[in-house]
N, C-alpha and C. Protein backbone atom coordinates (compact mmCIF):
# COMPACT_ATOMS: atom_id res chain seq x y z
N MET A 1 -182.22 -93.30 -17.30
CA MET A 1 -180.98 -92.26 -16.23
C MET A 1 -179.46 -92.58 -15.72
N THR A 2 -179.58 -94.37 -15.53
CA THR A 2 -178.51 -94.92 -16.00
C THR A 2 -177.27 -94.93 -15.84
N ARG A 3 -177.84 -94.84 -17.79
CA ARG A 3 -177.00 -95.14 -18.60
C ARG A 3 -176.68 -93.33 -19.00
N THR A 4 -177.31 -92.29 -18.96
CA THR A 4 -176.95 -90.81 -18.45
C THR A 4 -175.54 -90.77 -17.57
N ARG A 5 -176.30 -91.28 -16.77
CA ARG A 5 -174.90 -91.10 -15.13
C ARG A 5 -173.20 -91.27 -15.16
N GLN A 6 -174.13 -92.76 -16.06
CA GLN A 6 -172.82 -93.81 -16.43
C GLN A 6 -171.96 -92.88 -17.02
N VAL A 7 -172.01 -92.29 -18.27
CA VAL A 7 -171.29 -91.62 -19.57
C VAL A 7 -170.84 -89.86 -18.80
N SER A 8 -171.13 -89.93 -18.03
CA SER A 8 -171.17 -87.89 -17.39
C SER A 8 -169.85 -88.32 -16.62
N GLY A 9 -169.99 -89.73 -15.01
CA GLY A 9 -169.57 -90.17 -14.84
C GLY A 9 -167.41 -90.70 -15.22
N ASN A 10 -168.04 -90.93 -16.95
CA ASN A 10 -166.94 -91.62 -17.22
C ASN A 10 -166.04 -90.15 -18.63
N MET A 11 -166.62 -88.89 -17.96
CA MET A 11 -166.48 -87.29 -18.99
C MET A 11 -165.20 -86.66 -17.54
N VAL A 12 -166.13 -87.03 -16.54
CA VAL A 12 -165.45 -86.32 -15.23
C VAL A 12 -164.00 -87.23 -14.81
N VAL A 13 -164.30 -88.32 -15.14
CA VAL A 13 -162.61 -88.39 -15.19
C VAL A 13 -162.11 -88.71 -15.90
N VAL A 14 -162.18 -88.49 -17.57
CA VAL A 14 -161.35 -88.32 -18.31
C VAL A 14 -160.75 -86.86 -18.80
N VAL A 15 -161.00 -85.92 -17.83
CA VAL A 15 -160.71 -84.89 -18.17
C VAL A 15 -160.49 -84.39 -16.46
N ALA A 16 -160.40 -85.52 -15.59
CA ALA A 16 -159.31 -85.62 -14.34
C ALA A 16 -158.19 -85.52 -15.16
N ALA A 17 -158.05 -86.91 -15.26
CA ALA A 17 -156.79 -87.74 -16.14
C ALA A 17 -156.13 -86.69 -17.01
N LEU A 18 -156.55 -85.63 -18.18
CA LEU A 18 -156.57 -84.81 -18.54
C LEU A 18 -155.63 -83.46 -17.83
N SER A 19 -156.53 -83.30 -17.43
CA SER A 19 -155.67 -82.36 -16.00
C SER A 19 -154.40 -82.66 -15.55
N ALA A 20 -154.34 -84.40 -14.87
CA ALA A 20 -152.92 -84.54 -14.36
C ALA A 20 -151.58 -84.41 -15.38
N VAL A 21 -151.98 -84.60 -16.65
CA VAL A 21 -151.23 -85.27 -17.46
C VAL A 21 -150.60 -83.21 -18.52
N LEU A 22 -151.14 -82.26 -18.18
CA LEU A 22 -151.30 -81.04 -18.15
C LEU A 22 -150.58 -80.48 -17.47
N ALA A 23 -150.76 -81.06 -16.10
CA ALA A 23 -150.31 -80.33 -14.79
C ALA A 23 -148.94 -80.94 -15.02
N GLY A 24 -148.14 -82.20 -15.23
CA GLY A 24 -147.06 -82.83 -15.13
C GLY A 24 -146.29 -82.31 -15.97
N CYS A 25 -146.99 -81.76 -17.80
CA CYS A 25 -145.87 -81.38 -17.93
C CYS A 25 -145.43 -80.12 -18.34
N GLY A 26 -146.11 -79.17 -17.56
CA GLY A 26 -145.75 -77.88 -17.23
C GLY A 26 -144.95 -77.90 -15.56
N GLY A 27 -144.60 -78.89 -15.20
CA GLY A 27 -144.18 -79.22 -13.34
C GLY A 27 -142.47 -79.09 -13.25
N ASP A 28 -142.13 -78.74 -15.26
CA ASP A 28 -140.60 -78.32 -14.83
C ASP A 28 -140.06 -77.75 -14.69
N ASP A 29 -139.02 -76.65 -15.06
CA ASP A 29 -138.65 -75.39 -14.53
C ASP A 29 -139.05 -74.24 -15.54
N SER A 30 -139.29 -74.72 -17.25
CA SER A 30 -139.61 -73.74 -18.16
C SER A 30 -140.98 -73.75 -18.42
N SER A 31 -141.77 -73.81 -17.26
CA SER A 31 -142.77 -73.54 -16.65
C SER A 31 -143.59 -72.03 -17.36
N ASP A 32 -142.75 -71.50 -17.17
CA ASP A 32 -143.11 -69.70 -17.06
C ASP A 32 -143.19 -69.22 -18.84
N GLY A 33 -142.11 -70.22 -19.37
CA GLY A 33 -142.14 -70.59 -21.03
C GLY A 33 -140.82 -69.38 -21.38
N SER A 34 -140.27 -68.95 -20.33
CA SER A 34 -139.16 -68.42 -20.89
C SER A 34 -138.20 -68.48 -20.95
N ALA A 35 -137.10 -68.45 -21.94
CA ALA A 35 -135.59 -68.66 -22.24
C ALA A 35 -134.68 -68.59 -21.37
N PRO A 36 -133.86 -69.59 -21.47
CA PRO A 36 -132.39 -69.37 -20.35
C PRO A 36 -131.63 -68.05 -20.49
N SER A 37 -131.91 -67.61 -19.58
CA SER A 37 -130.72 -66.15 -19.35
C SER A 37 -128.94 -66.34 -19.96
N PRO A 38 -128.54 -65.87 -20.66
CA PRO A 38 -127.74 -65.55 -21.56
C PRO A 38 -126.45 -65.62 -20.29
N SER A 39 -125.55 -65.94 -20.09
CA SER A 39 -124.41 -65.63 -19.45
C SER A 39 -123.40 -64.92 -19.27
N PRO A 40 -123.63 -63.72 -18.20
CA PRO A 40 -122.72 -62.26 -18.30
C PRO A 40 -121.83 -62.45 -18.37
N GLU A 41 -121.49 -61.34 -19.63
CA GLU A 41 -120.09 -61.48 -20.04
C GLU A 41 -119.35 -60.80 -18.76
N ARG A 42 -117.90 -60.85 -19.18
CA ARG A 42 -116.98 -60.57 -18.51
C ARG A 42 -116.67 -59.10 -18.83
N THR A 43 -116.55 -58.29 -18.08
CA THR A 43 -116.36 -56.94 -18.24
C THR A 43 -114.80 -56.41 -17.92
N THR A 44 -113.46 -57.77 -16.96
CA THR A 44 -112.29 -57.14 -16.05
C THR A 44 -111.06 -58.00 -17.36
N GLY A 45 -109.89 -58.00 -17.59
CA GLY A 45 -109.33 -58.10 -17.56
C GLY A 45 -108.84 -57.82 -19.18
N PRO A 46 -108.19 -59.03 -19.76
CA PRO A 46 -107.92 -58.96 -21.20
C PRO A 46 -109.19 -59.70 -22.03
N GLY A 47 -109.33 -59.91 -23.54
CA GLY A 47 -110.31 -60.05 -23.68
C GLY A 47 -109.99 -60.76 -24.70
N THR A 48 -111.09 -61.14 -25.52
CA THR A 48 -110.58 -62.63 -26.90
C THR A 48 -110.03 -62.08 -27.85
N TYR A 49 -109.64 -60.58 -28.37
CA TYR A 49 -108.91 -60.54 -29.42
C TYR A 49 -107.83 -60.06 -29.41
N ALA A 50 -106.88 -60.53 -30.42
CA ALA A 50 -105.17 -60.17 -30.29
C ALA A 50 -105.52 -58.88 -31.70
N PRO A 51 -104.54 -58.11 -31.55
CA PRO A 51 -104.73 -56.64 -32.81
C PRO A 51 -104.69 -57.35 -33.72
N PRO A 52 -105.91 -56.72 -34.58
CA PRO A 52 -106.05 -57.15 -36.16
C PRO A 52 -104.96 -56.48 -36.93
N ASP A 53 -104.47 -56.68 -37.48
CA ASP A 53 -103.80 -56.30 -38.62
C ASP A 53 -104.05 -56.92 -40.01
N ARG A 54 -103.42 -55.83 -40.99
CA ARG A 54 -104.08 -56.48 -42.45
C ARG A 54 -105.84 -56.62 -42.54
N LEU A 55 -105.97 -56.27 -42.34
CA LEU A 55 -107.87 -55.95 -42.44
C LEU A 55 -107.93 -56.20 -43.59
N CYS A 56 -107.23 -56.09 -44.59
CA CYS A 56 -107.59 -56.02 -46.12
C CYS A 56 -107.65 -57.98 -46.54
N ASP A 57 -107.17 -58.06 -46.01
CA ASP A 57 -106.88 -59.78 -45.96
C ASP A 57 -108.44 -60.74 -45.64
N LEU A 58 -108.97 -59.88 -45.28
CA LEU A 58 -110.02 -60.34 -43.73
C LEU A 58 -111.53 -60.00 -44.63
N VAL A 59 -111.72 -58.23 -44.95
CA VAL A 59 -113.69 -57.62 -44.86
C VAL A 59 -113.58 -58.56 -46.06
N ASP A 60 -114.64 -58.44 -46.03
CA ASP A 60 -115.26 -58.71 -47.70
C ASP A 60 -117.00 -57.90 -47.59
N PHE A 61 -115.71 -56.68 -49.03
CA PHE A 61 -117.34 -55.78 -49.19
C PHE A 61 -118.10 -56.16 -50.04
N SER A 62 -118.35 -57.80 -50.68
CA SER A 62 -119.06 -58.05 -52.34
C SER A 62 -120.93 -57.84 -51.12
N GLU A 63 -120.86 -57.33 -50.14
CA GLU A 63 -122.23 -57.16 -50.03
C GLU A 63 -122.49 -56.20 -50.13
N LEU A 64 -121.74 -55.13 -49.91
CA LEU A 64 -121.74 -53.57 -49.92
C LEU A 64 -121.22 -52.79 -51.59
N ALA A 65 -120.79 -53.88 -52.31
CA ALA A 65 -120.22 -54.19 -53.59
C ALA A 65 -121.98 -53.63 -54.44
N THR A 66 -122.71 -55.10 -53.74
CA THR A 66 -124.02 -55.27 -54.40
C THR A 66 -125.64 -54.29 -53.59
N ALA A 67 -125.46 -53.90 -52.62
CA ALA A 67 -126.17 -52.96 -52.11
C ALA A 67 -125.53 -51.36 -53.28
N VAL A 68 -124.44 -51.26 -52.74
CA VAL A 68 -124.12 -49.96 -53.32
C VAL A 68 -123.45 -49.64 -55.17
N ALA A 69 -122.53 -49.83 -54.72
CA ALA A 69 -122.24 -49.98 -56.28
C ALA A 69 -120.81 -50.78 -56.43
N PRO A 70 -120.45 -51.39 -57.46
CA PRO A 70 -119.45 -52.45 -58.32
C PRO A 70 -118.14 -51.83 -57.06
N PHE A 71 -116.79 -52.71 -56.72
CA PHE A 71 -115.57 -52.08 -57.14
C PHE A 71 -114.82 -50.90 -57.73
N ALA A 72 -114.38 -50.42 -57.73
CA ALA A 72 -113.93 -49.07 -58.27
C ALA A 72 -112.65 -49.22 -58.25
N SER A 73 -111.75 -49.83 -57.38
CA SER A 73 -110.42 -50.18 -57.19
C SER A 73 -109.85 -51.70 -56.01
N ALA A 74 -108.54 -51.01 -56.29
CA ALA A 74 -108.10 -51.99 -55.26
C ALA A 74 -108.49 -51.56 -53.89
N ALA A 75 -108.63 -52.83 -52.53
CA ALA A 75 -108.64 -51.97 -51.78
C ALA A 75 -107.59 -51.79 -50.67
N GLN A 76 -107.81 -50.63 -50.17
CA GLN A 76 -105.97 -50.28 -49.28
C GLN A 76 -106.21 -50.13 -47.86
N GLY A 77 -105.01 -51.00 -47.66
CA GLY A 77 -105.34 -51.19 -46.01
C GLY A 77 -104.19 -49.90 -45.03
N ARG A 78 -103.98 -49.91 -44.10
CA ARG A 78 -103.06 -48.88 -42.92
C ARG A 78 -103.24 -49.77 -41.95
N GLU A 79 -102.14 -50.12 -40.97
CA GLU A 79 -102.22 -49.95 -39.84
C GLU A 79 -103.01 -48.42 -38.57
N ILE A 80 -103.54 -48.49 -37.69
CA ILE A 80 -103.65 -47.85 -36.75
C ILE A 80 -103.50 -47.70 -35.12
N GLY A 81 -103.71 -47.08 -34.57
CA GLY A 81 -103.70 -47.23 -32.97
C GLY A 81 -101.48 -46.03 -32.91
N GLY A 82 -102.02 -44.91 -32.00
CA GLY A 82 -100.05 -44.89 -31.68
C GLY A 82 -99.76 -45.43 -30.57
N ASP A 83 -100.18 -46.21 -29.63
CA ASP A 83 -100.13 -46.73 -28.16
C ASP A 83 -100.41 -48.36 -28.61
N PRO A 84 -99.54 -49.22 -29.06
CA PRO A 84 -99.42 -50.63 -28.80
C PRO A 84 -100.30 -51.62 -27.30
N SER A 85 -99.58 -50.50 -26.21
CA SER A 85 -99.79 -50.52 -24.81
C SER A 85 -101.44 -51.06 -24.34
N VAL A 86 -102.19 -49.66 -25.43
CA VAL A 86 -103.55 -49.49 -25.17
C VAL A 86 -104.43 -50.65 -25.66
N SER A 87 -104.13 -50.16 -27.20
CA SER A 87 -104.81 -50.54 -27.98
C SER A 87 -103.78 -50.12 -29.84
N SER A 88 -104.00 -51.29 -30.54
CA SER A 88 -104.37 -51.02 -32.03
C SER A 88 -105.02 -51.84 -32.78
N GLY A 89 -104.69 -51.85 -34.41
CA GLY A 89 -105.88 -52.56 -34.58
C GLY A 89 -105.55 -52.09 -36.28
N SER A 90 -106.05 -52.14 -37.20
CA SER A 90 -106.18 -51.51 -38.90
C SER A 90 -107.72 -51.61 -39.22
N GLU A 91 -107.16 -51.08 -40.50
CA GLU A 91 -108.10 -50.13 -41.48
C GLU A 91 -108.28 -50.53 -42.54
N CYS A 92 -109.21 -51.04 -43.47
CA CYS A 92 -109.37 -50.89 -45.13
C CYS A 92 -110.30 -50.51 -45.58
N GLU A 93 -110.17 -49.47 -46.77
CA GLU A 93 -111.06 -48.87 -47.62
C GLU A 93 -111.70 -49.17 -49.10
N GLN A 94 -112.11 -49.69 -49.00
CA GLN A 94 -112.45 -49.81 -50.70
C GLN A 94 -113.89 -49.07 -51.08
N SER A 95 -112.87 -48.36 -52.45
CA SER A 95 -113.91 -47.12 -53.33
C SER A 95 -115.12 -48.18 -54.46
N LEU A 96 -115.66 -47.54 -53.85
CA LEU A 96 -117.25 -48.26 -54.87
C LEU A 96 -117.45 -47.67 -56.16
N SER A 97 -117.94 -47.51 -57.34
CA SER A 97 -118.10 -46.47 -58.34
C SER A 97 -119.48 -47.23 -59.42
N ASN A 98 -120.08 -46.64 -59.60
CA ASN A 98 -121.33 -46.83 -61.37
C ASN A 98 -120.38 -46.57 -61.86
N GLY A 99 -119.49 -45.95 -62.63
CA GLY A 99 -118.69 -44.69 -63.51
C GLY A 99 -119.26 -44.06 -63.43
N THR A 100 -120.84 -43.71 -63.32
CA THR A 100 -121.52 -42.35 -63.81
C THR A 100 -121.89 -41.69 -62.44
N THR A 101 -123.08 -42.00 -61.89
CA THR A 101 -123.72 -41.34 -60.94
C THR A 101 -123.59 -41.76 -59.83
N VAL A 102 -122.81 -43.24 -58.57
CA VAL A 102 -122.75 -43.19 -57.89
C VAL A 102 -120.92 -43.19 -57.11
N HIS A 103 -120.48 -42.82 -56.53
CA HIS A 103 -119.31 -42.76 -55.70
C HIS A 103 -119.43 -42.73 -54.86
N ALA A 104 -118.87 -43.77 -53.79
CA ALA A 104 -118.53 -44.14 -52.48
C ALA A 104 -117.74 -44.62 -52.03
N PHE A 105 -117.54 -44.77 -50.48
CA PHE A 105 -116.31 -46.06 -49.98
C PHE A 105 -117.07 -46.57 -48.78
N ALA A 106 -116.16 -47.97 -48.83
CA ALA A 106 -116.39 -48.40 -47.48
C ALA A 106 -115.01 -48.92 -47.27
N VAL A 107 -115.93 -48.78 -45.77
CA VAL A 107 -114.24 -48.37 -44.45
C VAL A 107 -114.58 -49.97 -44.07
N ALA A 108 -114.03 -50.34 -43.17
CA ALA A 108 -113.58 -51.04 -41.62
C ALA A 108 -112.66 -50.43 -41.14
N GLN A 109 -112.60 -50.35 -39.35
CA GLN A 109 -111.89 -50.09 -39.28
C GLN A 109 -111.74 -50.53 -37.47
N CYS A 110 -111.00 -51.77 -37.22
CA CYS A 110 -111.28 -52.52 -35.62
C CYS A 110 -109.60 -52.33 -35.29
N SER A 111 -109.82 -51.92 -33.47
CA SER A 111 -108.79 -52.37 -32.66
C SER A 111 -109.48 -52.87 -31.88
N ALA A 112 -108.29 -53.80 -31.51
CA ALA A 112 -108.63 -54.63 -29.68
C ALA A 112 -107.71 -53.64 -28.61
N TRP A 113 -108.49 -53.50 -27.82
CA TRP A 113 -108.44 -52.80 -26.54
C TRP A 113 -107.31 -53.51 -25.25
N LYS A 114 -106.25 -53.17 -25.37
CA LYS A 114 -106.06 -54.50 -23.70
C LYS A 114 -106.54 -54.66 -22.86
N ASP A 115 -107.63 -53.98 -22.53
CA ASP A 115 -108.39 -54.32 -21.37
C ASP A 115 -110.25 -54.76 -21.94
N ILE A 116 -110.84 -55.34 -21.52
CA ILE A 116 -112.39 -55.05 -21.41
C ILE A 116 -112.61 -54.16 -21.34
N GLY A 117 -112.75 -53.99 -20.26
CA GLY A 117 -113.65 -52.21 -19.17
C GLY A 117 -113.20 -51.27 -20.28
N LYS A 118 -112.42 -51.01 -21.08
CA LYS A 118 -111.79 -49.78 -21.71
C LYS A 118 -112.60 -49.91 -22.46
N ALA A 119 -112.73 -51.22 -23.67
CA ALA A 119 -113.53 -51.53 -25.03
C ALA A 119 -114.62 -51.03 -24.63
N ILE A 120 -115.09 -51.13 -23.45
CA ILE A 120 -116.93 -51.37 -23.53
C ILE A 120 -116.77 -49.87 -22.51
N GLY A 121 -116.21 -48.71 -22.61
CA GLY A 121 -115.95 -47.97 -21.58
C GLY A 121 -116.28 -47.15 -23.03
N MET A 122 -114.90 -46.70 -24.11
CA MET A 122 -114.59 -46.38 -25.23
C MET A 122 -116.25 -46.33 -26.12
N HIS A 123 -116.32 -47.49 -26.18
CA HIS A 123 -117.63 -47.66 -26.89
C HIS A 123 -119.16 -46.59 -26.83
N GLN A 124 -118.53 -46.84 -25.00
CA GLN A 124 -119.77 -46.08 -24.55
C GLN A 124 -120.01 -44.89 -24.87
N TYR A 125 -118.23 -44.11 -24.98
CA TYR A 125 -118.31 -42.80 -24.68
C TYR A 125 -118.83 -42.34 -26.35
N GLY A 126 -118.55 -43.80 -26.97
CA GLY A 126 -118.86 -43.22 -28.65
C GLY A 126 -119.80 -42.64 -28.63
N ARG A 127 -120.58 -43.71 -28.09
CA ARG A 127 -122.14 -43.31 -28.18
C ARG A 127 -122.32 -42.25 -27.66
N GLU A 128 -122.29 -41.84 -26.98
CA GLU A 128 -123.00 -40.80 -26.46
C GLU A 128 -122.50 -39.49 -27.01
N THR A 129 -121.71 -39.52 -28.07
CA THR A 129 -120.58 -38.69 -27.92
C THR A 129 -121.07 -38.35 -29.83
N ALA A 130 -121.55 -39.22 -30.46
CA ALA A 130 -121.76 -39.71 -32.24
C ALA A 130 -122.72 -38.29 -32.35
N GLU A 131 -122.65 -37.88 -33.71
CA GLU A 131 -123.06 -36.41 -34.32
C GLU A 131 -123.82 -37.68 -35.17
N VAL A 132 -125.19 -37.34 -34.60
CA VAL A 132 -126.18 -38.68 -35.46
C VAL A 132 -127.10 -37.67 -36.13
N ALA A 133 -127.79 -37.83 -37.53
CA ALA A 133 -128.35 -37.03 -37.96
C ALA A 133 -130.21 -37.48 -37.76
N ASP A 134 -131.03 -36.33 -37.44
CA ASP A 134 -132.32 -37.18 -37.60
C ASP A 134 -132.78 -38.10 -36.77
N SER A 135 -131.63 -38.08 -35.14
CA SER A 135 -132.21 -38.83 -34.22
C SER A 135 -132.23 -40.13 -35.37
N SER A 136 -131.26 -40.45 -35.93
CA SER A 136 -131.02 -41.95 -36.43
C SER A 136 -129.90 -43.06 -35.89
N LEU A 137 -129.59 -43.07 -34.23
CA LEU A 137 -129.02 -43.30 -34.06
C LEU A 137 -129.62 -45.49 -33.31
N THR A 138 -129.78 -46.14 -33.81
CA THR A 138 -129.95 -47.59 -33.52
C THR A 138 -129.22 -48.03 -32.79
N ASP A 139 -129.58 -49.35 -31.51
CA ASP A 139 -129.31 -50.36 -31.41
C ASP A 139 -128.84 -51.63 -32.72
N VAL A 140 -128.03 -52.15 -32.39
CA VAL A 140 -128.11 -53.51 -33.01
C VAL A 140 -128.39 -54.52 -32.42
N LYS A 141 -129.24 -55.31 -32.18
CA LYS A 141 -128.78 -56.47 -31.70
C LYS A 141 -128.59 -57.92 -32.00
N GLY A 142 -127.95 -58.73 -31.45
CA GLY A 142 -127.61 -59.87 -32.55
C GLY A 142 -125.98 -59.83 -33.17
N LEU A 143 -125.58 -58.86 -32.79
CA LEU A 143 -123.59 -58.66 -33.31
C LEU A 143 -123.06 -57.94 -32.23
N GLY A 144 -121.85 -59.01 -31.65
CA GLY A 144 -121.39 -58.67 -30.54
C GLY A 144 -121.96 -59.00 -29.62
N ASN A 145 -121.17 -58.09 -28.86
CA ASN A 145 -121.98 -57.73 -27.50
C ASN A 145 -122.57 -56.54 -27.31
N GLN A 146 -122.20 -55.35 -28.17
CA GLN A 146 -123.05 -54.16 -28.06
C GLN A 146 -122.58 -53.65 -29.88
N ALA A 147 -124.00 -53.25 -29.81
CA ALA A 147 -123.59 -52.76 -31.84
C ALA A 147 -124.78 -51.69 -31.88
N TYR A 148 -124.36 -50.57 -32.48
CA TYR A 148 -125.33 -49.23 -32.69
C TYR A 148 -124.86 -48.91 -34.58
N ARG A 149 -126.06 -48.29 -34.90
CA ARG A 149 -125.74 -47.30 -36.07
C ARG A 149 -126.45 -46.29 -36.37
N TYR A 150 -125.85 -45.86 -36.91
CA TYR A 150 -126.48 -43.83 -37.44
C TYR A 150 -126.33 -43.35 -38.25
N VAL A 151 -126.73 -42.78 -39.19
CA VAL A 151 -126.47 -41.35 -39.76
C VAL A 151 -125.68 -40.54 -39.64
N SER A 152 -124.39 -39.93 -39.71
CA SER A 152 -123.35 -39.18 -39.33
C SER A 152 -123.75 -37.59 -39.97
N SER A 153 -123.73 -36.82 -39.19
CA SER A 153 -124.16 -35.58 -39.13
C SER A 153 -122.95 -34.84 -39.34
N LYS A 154 -122.24 -35.51 -39.85
CA LYS A 154 -120.80 -34.47 -39.58
C LYS A 154 -120.29 -33.81 -41.07
N ASP A 155 -119.57 -32.53 -40.67
CA ASP A 155 -119.59 -31.89 -42.21
C ASP A 155 -118.40 -32.58 -43.20
N GLY A 156 -118.87 -32.52 -43.84
CA GLY A 156 -118.12 -32.99 -45.56
C GLY A 156 -118.25 -33.33 -47.09
N PRO A 157 -117.74 -34.10 -47.66
CA PRO A 157 -118.29 -33.91 -48.64
C PRO A 157 -119.55 -35.19 -49.54
N TRP A 158 -119.90 -35.68 -48.39
CA TRP A 158 -120.84 -36.40 -48.50
C TRP A 158 -122.20 -36.90 -48.32
N LYS A 159 -123.21 -37.38 -49.02
CA LYS A 159 -124.74 -37.31 -49.39
C LYS A 159 -125.56 -38.18 -48.36
N ALA A 160 -124.08 -38.45 -47.62
CA ALA A 160 -125.30 -39.81 -46.85
C ALA A 160 -123.31 -40.27 -46.34
N ASP A 161 -124.08 -40.67 -44.92
CA ASP A 161 -122.25 -41.31 -44.38
C ASP A 161 -122.83 -42.14 -43.51
N LEU A 162 -122.77 -43.68 -43.45
CA LEU A 162 -123.96 -44.11 -42.61
C LEU A 162 -122.52 -44.85 -41.85
N ARG A 163 -123.04 -45.34 -40.55
CA ARG A 163 -121.87 -45.57 -39.32
C ARG A 163 -122.52 -46.77 -39.08
N LEU A 164 -121.58 -47.87 -38.73
CA LEU A 164 -122.36 -49.06 -38.42
C LEU A 164 -121.09 -49.26 -36.71
N VAL A 165 -121.09 -48.93 -35.14
CA VAL A 165 -120.40 -49.62 -34.58
C VAL A 165 -120.66 -50.83 -33.90
N VAL A 166 -119.48 -51.62 -33.73
CA VAL A 166 -119.63 -53.29 -33.02
C VAL A 166 -118.49 -53.00 -32.06
N ARG A 167 -119.25 -54.02 -30.75
CA ARG A 167 -118.19 -54.31 -29.79
C ARG A 167 -118.10 -55.82 -29.45
N ASP A 168 -116.98 -56.38 -29.38
CA ASP A 168 -116.88 -57.96 -28.99
C ASP A 168 -116.12 -57.76 -28.28
N SER A 169 -116.25 -58.89 -26.79
CA SER A 169 -115.11 -58.42 -26.03
C SER A 169 -114.60 -57.02 -26.13
N ASN A 170 -113.04 -57.20 -26.35
CA ASN A 170 -112.05 -56.06 -26.67
C ASN A 170 -111.82 -55.37 -28.03
N LEU A 171 -113.14 -55.33 -28.48
CA LEU A 171 -112.46 -55.67 -29.73
C LEU A 171 -113.71 -54.33 -30.30
N ASP A 172 -112.91 -53.38 -31.14
CA ASP A 172 -114.14 -52.63 -31.42
C ASP A 172 -114.20 -52.24 -32.94
N CYS A 173 -115.12 -52.75 -33.50
CA CYS A 173 -115.12 -51.74 -35.28
C CYS A 173 -115.89 -51.46 -35.24
N GLU A 174 -115.60 -50.29 -36.21
CA GLU A 174 -116.24 -49.10 -36.86
C GLU A 174 -116.53 -49.44 -38.67
N PHE A 175 -117.76 -49.61 -38.87
CA PHE A 175 -117.67 -49.54 -40.48
C PHE A 175 -119.00 -48.96 -40.83
N ARG A 176 -117.77 -48.40 -42.05
CA ARG A 176 -118.60 -46.98 -42.64
C ARG A 176 -119.16 -46.66 -44.50
N THR A 177 -119.68 -46.80 -44.60
CA THR A 177 -120.42 -45.98 -46.33
C THR A 177 -120.98 -44.76 -46.22
N GLN A 178 -119.60 -44.22 -47.02
CA GLN A 178 -119.86 -42.53 -46.90
C GLN A 178 -120.01 -42.60 -48.88
N SER A 179 -121.37 -41.83 -48.80
CA SER A 179 -121.71 -41.83 -50.40
C SER A 179 -121.86 -40.60 -50.84
N GLY A 180 -121.45 -40.55 -51.96
CA GLY A 180 -121.29 -38.81 -52.81
C GLY A 180 -122.45 -38.27 -53.20
N HIS A 181 -123.24 -39.67 -53.70
CA HIS A 181 -124.80 -39.34 -53.54
C HIS A 181 -126.11 -39.87 -52.51
N PRO A 182 -126.83 -38.18 -52.66
CA PRO A 182 -128.47 -39.30 -51.50
C PRO A 182 -128.58 -40.56 -51.96
N MET A 183 -129.29 -40.74 -50.58
CA MET A 183 -129.81 -42.28 -50.02
C MET A 183 -131.11 -41.54 -49.61
N ASN A 184 -132.17 -42.14 -50.08
CA ASN A 184 -133.48 -42.35 -49.75
C ASN A 184 -133.80 -43.18 -48.31
N ALA A 185 -135.15 -43.45 -47.82
CA ALA A 185 -135.15 -44.28 -46.89
C ALA A 185 -134.46 -46.02 -47.14
N GLN A 186 -135.43 -45.88 -48.43
CA GLN A 186 -135.05 -47.71 -48.93
C GLN A 186 -133.18 -48.03 -49.26
N ASP A 187 -132.71 -47.19 -50.17
CA ASP A 187 -131.06 -46.59 -50.08
C ASP A 187 -130.81 -46.90 -48.53
N LEU A 188 -131.18 -46.30 -47.31
CA LEU A 188 -130.21 -46.59 -45.93
C LEU A 188 -130.26 -48.16 -45.52
N ASP A 189 -132.35 -48.35 -45.47
CA ASP A 189 -132.05 -50.03 -44.60
C ASP A 189 -131.28 -50.90 -45.80
N ILE A 190 -131.34 -50.66 -47.09
CA ILE A 190 -130.35 -51.65 -48.02
C ILE A 190 -128.71 -51.68 -47.40
N THR A 191 -127.98 -50.31 -47.81
CA THR A 191 -126.74 -50.15 -47.30
C THR A 191 -126.61 -50.69 -46.05
N PHE A 192 -127.01 -50.66 -45.07
CA PHE A 192 -127.31 -50.34 -43.44
C PHE A 192 -127.02 -52.23 -43.28
N ALA A 193 -128.29 -52.64 -43.91
CA ALA A 193 -128.37 -54.52 -43.93
C ALA A 193 -126.71 -55.20 -44.46
N ALA A 194 -126.59 -54.48 -45.58
CA ALA A 194 -125.10 -54.68 -46.11
C ALA A 194 -123.98 -54.94 -45.42
N MET A 195 -124.33 -53.57 -44.24
CA MET A 195 -122.79 -53.34 -43.60
C MET A 195 -122.89 -54.30 -42.07
N GLU A 196 -123.91 -55.22 -42.13
CA GLU A 196 -124.37 -55.42 -41.10
C GLU A 196 -123.71 -57.06 -41.29
N ALA A 197 -124.08 -57.36 -42.06
CA ALA A 197 -123.87 -58.78 -42.91
C ALA A 197 -122.27 -58.77 -43.27
N THR A 198 -121.89 -57.64 -43.39
CA THR A 198 -120.00 -57.45 -43.45
C THR A 198 -119.55 -57.23 -42.37
N ALA A 199 -120.19 -56.94 -41.52
CA ALA A 199 -120.07 -57.12 -39.59
C ALA A 199 -119.46 -58.64 -39.15
N LYS A 200 -120.86 -59.03 -39.08
CA LYS A 200 -121.47 -60.74 -39.09
C LYS A 200 -120.34 -61.28 -40.01
N ASN A 201 -119.77 -61.62 -41.10
CA ASN A 201 -118.39 -62.35 -41.69
C ASN A 201 -117.34 -62.21 -41.17
N LEU A 202 -116.89 -60.74 -40.77
CA LEU A 202 -115.42 -60.44 -40.37
C LEU A 202 -115.06 -60.99 -38.89
N LEU A 203 -116.18 -60.56 -38.50
CA LEU A 203 -115.65 -60.80 -36.58
C LEU A 203 -114.72 -62.82 -36.26
N PRO A 204 -115.56 -63.58 -36.68
CA PRO A 204 -115.18 -64.35 -36.56
C PRO A 204 -114.00 -64.85 -37.49
N LYS A 205 -113.95 -63.86 -38.29
CA LYS A 205 -112.30 -64.46 -38.71
C LYS A 205 -110.90 -64.07 -37.77
N LEU A 206 -111.23 -62.68 -36.65
CA LEU A 206 -110.21 -61.82 -36.24
C LEU A 206 -110.58 -62.58 -34.68
N ARG A 207 -110.98 -63.53 -34.43
CA ARG A 207 -110.74 -64.23 -32.96
C ARG A 207 -109.68 -65.46 -33.46
N PRO A 208 -108.75 -65.15 -31.96
CA PRO A 208 -107.98 -66.61 -32.66
C PRO A 208 -108.49 -67.95 -32.49
């Protein structure tokens, strides 16, 4: 009986010691396991980006060439924005074709607003007024400050018209893939993934 009591007593001491260690490990500010909150975005005043120009020198459509069809000709660019005191930017269009069944265009268009608040407002307005097919509008996380994608329902010659809209600080970019052939669900997923990769590659190049 004496040996049994001694072992039991030792077990109580060990359990108490382990409890103290575990309590000490959980005593810091991260004891609830939550991730730190991100810093709030600045929403007023001038933003990070200057108006982008010569976008074709910066955007890389190679992901879309793999996902949809090879490049069919040289990319074509132009400057956009009627009032530089409000916003201005640049556009680049790349034709894609396999020479037989697939003919498409990849387009990137980016503008920098003079004020972050205006960029936020216009981004939200575009989201609310987008002509969306089949409830396809989806928020995209981890791309700029705000991003969404959808399949457009606008009338036109396209069998598939994919849109990705990204805002980062005062910069607003729209990426389009417009195809003359229909796309099934797998085609859409692959193409949207390529568009998101294109955007992630471009944004750092536009920062000063």
